[in-house]
């Protein structure tokens, strides 16, 4: 793999510099897209962490992420009980955390 170009480094520098903006939290904490945003095509570049890696292993056994998977299931059940029909959940294989939208 080659090192990043000057243009790529400058782009990342701009993204990182946004955190110093007085309005950063206001923009970063806005509601995300709706279901169609995730299920339909959308051009952009986003840094994500795949949470499917935390799913329980098939065939039994456990690992460090098993508690995370259990907590996510419990959270979904609690929310669904309190707010039935309000949220559409991702399939377990699609679970992720959006770290930062980089472009788009």
N, C-alpha and C. Protein backbone atom coordinates (compact mmCIF):
# COMPACT_ATOMS: atom_id res chain seq x y z
N UNK A 1 0.85 -1.16 0.00
CA UNK A 1 0.00 0.00 0.00
C UNK A 1 0.90 1.23 0.00
N UNK A 2 0.53 2.21 -0.82
CA UNK A 2 1.33 3.43 -0.90
C UNK A 2 0.89 4.43 0.17
N UNK A 3 1.78 5.31 0.57
CA UNK A 3 1.41 6.33 1.56
C UNK A 3 0.38 7.29 0.97
N UNK A 4 -0.38 7.97 1.81
CA UNK A 4 -1.40 8.90 1.29
C UNK A 4 -0.75 10.08 0.56
N UNK A 5 -1.47 10.57 -0.43
CA UNK A 5 -0.99 11.72 -1.20
C UNK A 5 -1.15 13.00 -0.38
N UNK A 6 -0.55 14.07 -0.84
CA UNK A 6 -0.70 15.37 -0.16
C UNK A 6 -2.16 15.80 -0.14
N UNK A 7 -2.90 15.54 -1.22
CA UNK A 7 -4.32 15.91 -1.28
C UNK A 7 -5.13 15.11 -0.25
N UNK A 8 -4.82 13.82 -0.12
CA UNK A 8 -5.53 12.99 0.86
C UNK A 8 -5.21 13.45 2.29
N UNK A 9 -3.95 13.76 2.55
CA UNK A 9 -3.57 14.25 3.87
C UNK A 9 -4.25 15.59 4.18
N UNK A 10 -4.36 16.46 3.18
CA UNK A 10 -5.02 17.75 3.38
C UNK A 10 -6.51 17.55 3.68
N UNK A 11 -7.13 16.61 2.97
CA UNK A 11 -8.55 16.32 3.20
C UNK A 11 -8.79 15.83 4.62
N UNK A 12 -7.97 14.91 5.08
CA UNK A 12 -8.09 14.40 6.44
C UNK A 12 -7.83 15.53 7.44
N UNK A 13 -6.85 16.38 7.14
CA UNK A 13 -6.55 17.51 8.01
C UNK A 13 -7.74 18.43 8.17
N UNK A 14 -8.48 18.67 7.08
CA UNK A 14 -9.68 19.52 7.14
C UNK A 14 -10.76 18.87 8.01
N UNK A 15 -10.95 17.57 7.86
CA UNK A 15 -11.95 16.87 8.67
C UNK A 15 -11.58 16.96 10.14
N UNK A 16 -10.33 16.71 10.46
CA UNK A 16 -9.90 16.75 11.85
C UNK A 16 -9.98 18.16 12.43
N UNK A 17 -9.72 19.16 11.62
CA UNK A 17 -9.76 20.55 12.09
C UNK A 17 -11.18 20.99 12.44
N UNK A 18 -12.18 20.33 11.86
CA UNK A 18 -13.58 20.68 12.15
C UNK A 18 -13.88 20.55 13.65
N UNK A 19 -13.19 19.65 14.33
CA UNK A 19 -13.44 19.46 15.76
C UNK A 19 -13.11 20.71 16.58
N UNK A 20 -12.28 21.59 16.04
CA UNK A 20 -11.93 22.83 16.74
C UNK A 20 -12.95 23.94 16.52
N UNK A 21 -13.91 23.70 15.63
CA UNK A 21 -14.93 24.72 15.34
C UNK A 21 -15.87 24.86 16.52
N UNK A 22 -16.27 26.11 16.85
CA UNK A 22 -17.22 26.30 17.96
C UNK A 22 -18.59 25.65 17.68
N UNK A 23 -18.93 25.41 16.42
CA UNK A 23 -20.21 24.81 16.07
C UNK A 23 -20.11 23.30 15.83
N UNK A 24 -18.95 22.72 16.13
CA UNK A 24 -18.74 21.31 15.81
C UNK A 24 -19.81 20.40 16.42
N UNK A 25 -20.05 20.50 17.71
CA UNK A 25 -20.99 19.59 18.35
C UNK A 25 -22.40 19.75 17.80
N UNK A 26 -22.81 20.97 17.48
CA UNK A 26 -24.13 21.20 16.91
C UNK A 26 -24.28 20.41 15.61
N UNK A 27 -23.30 20.49 14.74
CA UNK A 27 -23.38 19.78 13.45
C UNK A 27 -23.19 18.27 13.62
N UNK A 28 -22.29 17.87 14.51
CA UNK A 28 -22.01 16.44 14.70
C UNK A 28 -23.16 15.71 15.37
N UNK A 29 -23.99 16.42 16.14
CA UNK A 29 -25.05 15.75 16.88
C UNK A 29 -26.40 15.79 16.19
N UNK A 30 -26.46 16.28 14.96
CA UNK A 30 -27.74 16.29 14.23
C UNK A 30 -28.21 14.88 13.98
N UNK A 31 -29.52 14.74 13.85
CA UNK A 31 -30.08 13.43 13.54
C UNK A 31 -29.47 12.90 12.26
N UNK A 32 -29.28 11.58 12.21
CA UNK A 32 -28.77 10.94 11.00
C UNK A 32 -29.85 10.79 9.95
N UNK A 33 -29.51 10.08 8.89
CA UNK A 33 -30.47 9.85 7.82
C UNK A 33 -31.59 8.93 8.28
N UNK A 34 -32.58 8.84 7.50
CA UNK A 34 -33.71 7.96 7.79
C UNK A 34 -33.49 6.62 7.10
N UNK A 35 -34.43 5.71 7.26
CA UNK A 35 -34.26 4.34 6.76
C UNK A 35 -33.88 4.31 5.28
N UNK A 36 -34.54 5.13 4.47
CA UNK A 36 -34.22 5.14 3.04
C UNK A 36 -32.78 5.50 2.76
N UNK A 37 -32.21 6.35 3.60
CA UNK A 37 -30.81 6.75 3.43
C UNK A 37 -29.90 5.52 3.54
N UNK A 38 -30.25 4.60 4.41
CA UNK A 38 -29.42 3.42 4.62
C UNK A 38 -29.75 2.29 3.66
N UNK A 39 -30.97 2.21 3.21
CA UNK A 39 -31.37 1.07 2.37
C UNK A 39 -31.24 1.37 0.87
N UNK A 40 -31.20 2.64 0.51
CA UNK A 40 -31.05 3.03 -0.90
C UNK A 40 -29.62 3.44 -1.16
N UNK A 41 -29.28 3.51 -2.43
CA UNK A 41 -27.93 3.93 -2.80
C UNK A 41 -27.67 5.36 -2.35
N UNK A 42 -26.47 5.61 -1.90
CA UNK A 42 -26.10 6.96 -1.45
C UNK A 42 -24.60 7.12 -1.66
N UNK A 43 -24.21 8.10 -2.46
CA UNK A 43 -22.79 8.34 -2.67
C UNK A 43 -22.20 9.04 -1.46
N UNK A 44 -21.07 8.59 -1.06
CA UNK A 44 -20.39 9.22 0.06
C UNK A 44 -19.28 8.32 0.56
N UNK A 45 -18.55 8.81 1.50
CA UNK A 45 -17.45 8.06 2.09
C UNK A 45 -17.56 8.23 3.60
N UNK A 46 -17.67 7.11 4.31
CA UNK A 46 -17.91 7.16 5.75
C UNK A 46 -16.98 6.18 6.45
N UNK A 47 -16.45 6.59 7.57
CA UNK A 47 -15.64 5.73 8.41
C UNK A 47 -16.57 5.03 9.39
N UNK A 48 -16.63 3.70 9.33
CA UNK A 48 -17.52 2.94 10.21
C UNK A 48 -16.75 1.82 10.90
N UNK A 49 -17.32 1.31 11.98
CA UNK A 49 -16.81 0.11 12.63
C UNK A 49 -17.91 -0.93 12.55
N UNK A 50 -17.58 -2.09 12.01
CA UNK A 50 -18.52 -3.19 11.82
C UNK A 50 -18.80 -3.85 13.16
N UNK A 51 -20.06 -3.80 13.63
CA UNK A 51 -20.41 -4.42 14.91
C UNK A 51 -20.75 -5.89 14.76
N UNK A 52 -20.89 -6.37 13.52
CA UNK A 52 -21.17 -7.79 13.33
C UNK A 52 -20.03 -8.64 13.92
N UNK A 53 -18.86 -8.05 14.02
CA UNK A 53 -17.72 -8.76 14.61
C UNK A 53 -17.99 -9.10 16.07
N UNK A 54 -18.95 -8.40 16.70
CA UNK A 54 -19.27 -8.66 18.10
C UNK A 54 -20.38 -9.69 18.26
N UNK A 55 -20.93 -10.18 17.17
CA UNK A 55 -22.01 -11.17 17.26
C UNK A 55 -21.49 -12.44 17.91
N UNK A 56 -22.37 -13.14 18.63
CA UNK A 56 -21.94 -14.40 19.25
C UNK A 56 -21.44 -15.38 18.20
N UNK A 57 -20.42 -16.13 18.56
CA UNK A 57 -19.88 -17.13 17.64
C UNK A 57 -20.93 -18.21 17.40
N UNK A 58 -20.97 -18.74 16.17
CA UNK A 58 -21.88 -19.84 15.88
C UNK A 58 -21.33 -21.10 16.55
N UNK A 59 -22.23 -21.96 16.95
CA UNK A 59 -21.82 -23.20 17.58
C UNK A 59 -21.50 -23.05 19.06
N UNK A 60 -21.99 -21.96 19.64
CA UNK A 60 -21.76 -21.76 21.08
C UNK A 60 -20.45 -21.04 21.34
N UNK A 61 -20.09 -21.03 22.57
CA UNK A 61 -18.87 -20.33 22.97
C UNK A 61 -19.13 -18.85 23.11
N UNK A 62 -18.18 -18.16 23.65
CA UNK A 62 -18.33 -16.73 23.82
C UNK A 62 -16.98 -16.06 23.55
N UNK A 63 -17.02 -14.78 23.44
CA UNK A 63 -15.82 -13.99 23.26
C UNK A 63 -16.08 -12.61 23.82
N UNK A 64 -15.10 -11.75 23.75
CA UNK A 64 -15.20 -10.44 24.40
C UNK A 64 -16.39 -9.62 23.92
N UNK A 65 -16.82 -9.80 22.67
CA UNK A 65 -17.92 -9.01 22.14
C UNK A 65 -19.30 -9.54 22.47
N UNK A 66 -19.39 -10.70 23.10
CA UNK A 66 -20.69 -11.29 23.40
C UNK A 66 -21.53 -10.38 24.28
N UNK A 67 -20.90 -9.70 25.23
CA UNK A 67 -21.64 -8.78 26.11
C UNK A 67 -22.19 -7.61 25.30
N UNK A 68 -21.44 -7.15 24.30
CA UNK A 68 -21.93 -6.05 23.45
C UNK A 68 -23.16 -6.49 22.67
N UNK A 69 -23.10 -7.69 22.09
CA UNK A 69 -24.25 -8.21 21.33
C UNK A 69 -25.47 -8.36 22.24
N UNK A 70 -25.26 -8.85 23.44
CA UNK A 70 -26.36 -9.02 24.40
C UNK A 70 -26.94 -7.66 24.77
N UNK A 71 -26.09 -6.68 24.99
CA UNK A 71 -26.56 -5.34 25.35
C UNK A 71 -27.35 -4.71 24.20
N UNK A 72 -26.92 -4.92 22.97
CA UNK A 72 -27.64 -4.37 21.81
C UNK A 72 -29.03 -5.02 21.72
N UNK A 73 -29.11 -6.33 21.89
CA UNK A 73 -30.40 -7.01 21.84
C UNK A 73 -31.33 -6.51 22.94
N UNK A 74 -30.80 -6.35 24.15
CA UNK A 74 -31.62 -5.86 25.27
C UNK A 74 -32.09 -4.43 25.01
N UNK A 75 -31.22 -3.60 24.46
CA UNK A 75 -31.58 -2.22 24.14
C UNK A 75 -32.71 -2.18 23.12
N UNK A 76 -32.59 -2.98 22.06
CA UNK A 76 -33.65 -3.04 21.04
C UNK A 76 -34.98 -3.46 21.65
N UNK A 77 -34.96 -4.47 22.49
CA UNK A 77 -36.19 -4.95 23.10
C UNK A 77 -36.82 -3.88 24.00
N UNK A 78 -35.99 -3.18 24.77
CA UNK A 78 -36.50 -2.12 25.65
C UNK A 78 -37.11 -0.99 24.83
N UNK A 79 -36.42 -0.57 23.79
CA UNK A 79 -36.92 0.52 22.95
C UNK A 79 -38.22 0.10 22.26
N UNK A 80 -38.24 -1.11 21.72
CA UNK A 80 -39.44 -1.59 21.03
C UNK A 80 -40.63 -1.68 21.99
N UNK A 81 -40.38 -2.01 23.25
CA UNK A 81 -41.46 -2.09 24.23
C UNK A 81 -42.00 -0.71 24.57
N UNK A 82 -41.12 0.28 24.66
CA UNK A 82 -41.52 1.64 25.03
C UNK A 82 -42.03 2.45 23.85
N UNK A 83 -41.47 2.18 22.66
CA UNK A 83 -41.82 2.96 21.46
C UNK A 83 -42.12 2.01 20.30
N UNK A 84 -43.19 1.22 20.41
CA UNK A 84 -43.46 0.21 19.38
C UNK A 84 -43.66 0.84 18.00
N UNK A 85 -42.97 0.25 17.02
CA UNK A 85 -43.12 0.68 15.63
C UNK A 85 -42.41 1.96 15.26
N UNK A 86 -41.70 2.60 16.20
CA UNK A 86 -41.04 3.87 15.90
C UNK A 86 -39.74 3.66 15.15
N UNK A 87 -39.01 2.61 15.48
CA UNK A 87 -37.70 2.38 14.87
C UNK A 87 -37.70 1.14 14.01
N UNK A 88 -36.92 1.19 12.93
CA UNK A 88 -36.66 0.03 12.08
C UNK A 88 -35.22 -0.38 12.35
N UNK A 89 -35.03 -1.60 12.79
CA UNK A 89 -33.69 -2.04 13.19
C UNK A 89 -32.92 -2.64 12.03
N UNK A 90 -31.63 -2.43 12.03
CA UNK A 90 -30.74 -3.09 11.08
C UNK A 90 -30.71 -4.57 11.38
N UNK A 91 -30.47 -5.36 10.34
CA UNK A 91 -30.19 -6.77 10.51
C UNK A 91 -28.90 -6.88 11.32
N UNK A 92 -28.74 -7.90 12.14
CA UNK A 92 -27.51 -8.03 12.93
C UNK A 92 -26.26 -7.95 12.06
N UNK A 93 -26.31 -8.51 10.86
CA UNK A 93 -25.14 -8.51 9.99
C UNK A 93 -24.80 -7.11 9.46
N UNK A 94 -25.71 -6.15 9.62
CA UNK A 94 -25.48 -4.79 9.13
C UNK A 94 -25.13 -3.80 10.24
N UNK A 95 -25.10 -4.27 11.47
CA UNK A 95 -24.84 -3.35 12.57
C UNK A 95 -23.47 -2.72 12.45
N UNK A 96 -23.44 -1.41 12.65
CA UNK A 96 -22.18 -0.67 12.59
C UNK A 96 -22.31 0.62 13.39
N UNK A 97 -21.20 1.19 13.68
CA UNK A 97 -21.16 2.53 14.29
C UNK A 97 -20.53 3.45 13.26
N UNK A 98 -21.22 4.53 12.95
CA UNK A 98 -20.64 5.52 12.05
C UNK A 98 -19.73 6.41 12.88
N UNK A 99 -18.45 6.34 12.58
CA UNK A 99 -17.47 7.13 13.30
C UNK A 99 -17.49 8.56 12.77
N UNK A 100 -17.50 8.68 11.44
CA UNK A 100 -17.44 10.02 10.85
C UNK A 100 -17.78 9.93 9.37
N UNK A 101 -18.70 10.79 8.94
CA UNK A 101 -18.91 10.95 7.50
C UNK A 101 -17.74 11.74 6.97
N UNK A 102 -17.06 11.21 5.99
CA UNK A 102 -15.87 11.88 5.46
C UNK A 102 -16.17 12.70 4.21
N UNK A 103 -17.20 12.28 3.46
CA UNK A 103 -17.50 12.96 2.21
C UNK A 103 -18.92 12.57 1.80
N UNK A 104 -19.68 13.48 1.29
CA UNK A 104 -20.98 13.13 0.77
C UNK A 104 -22.13 13.59 1.60
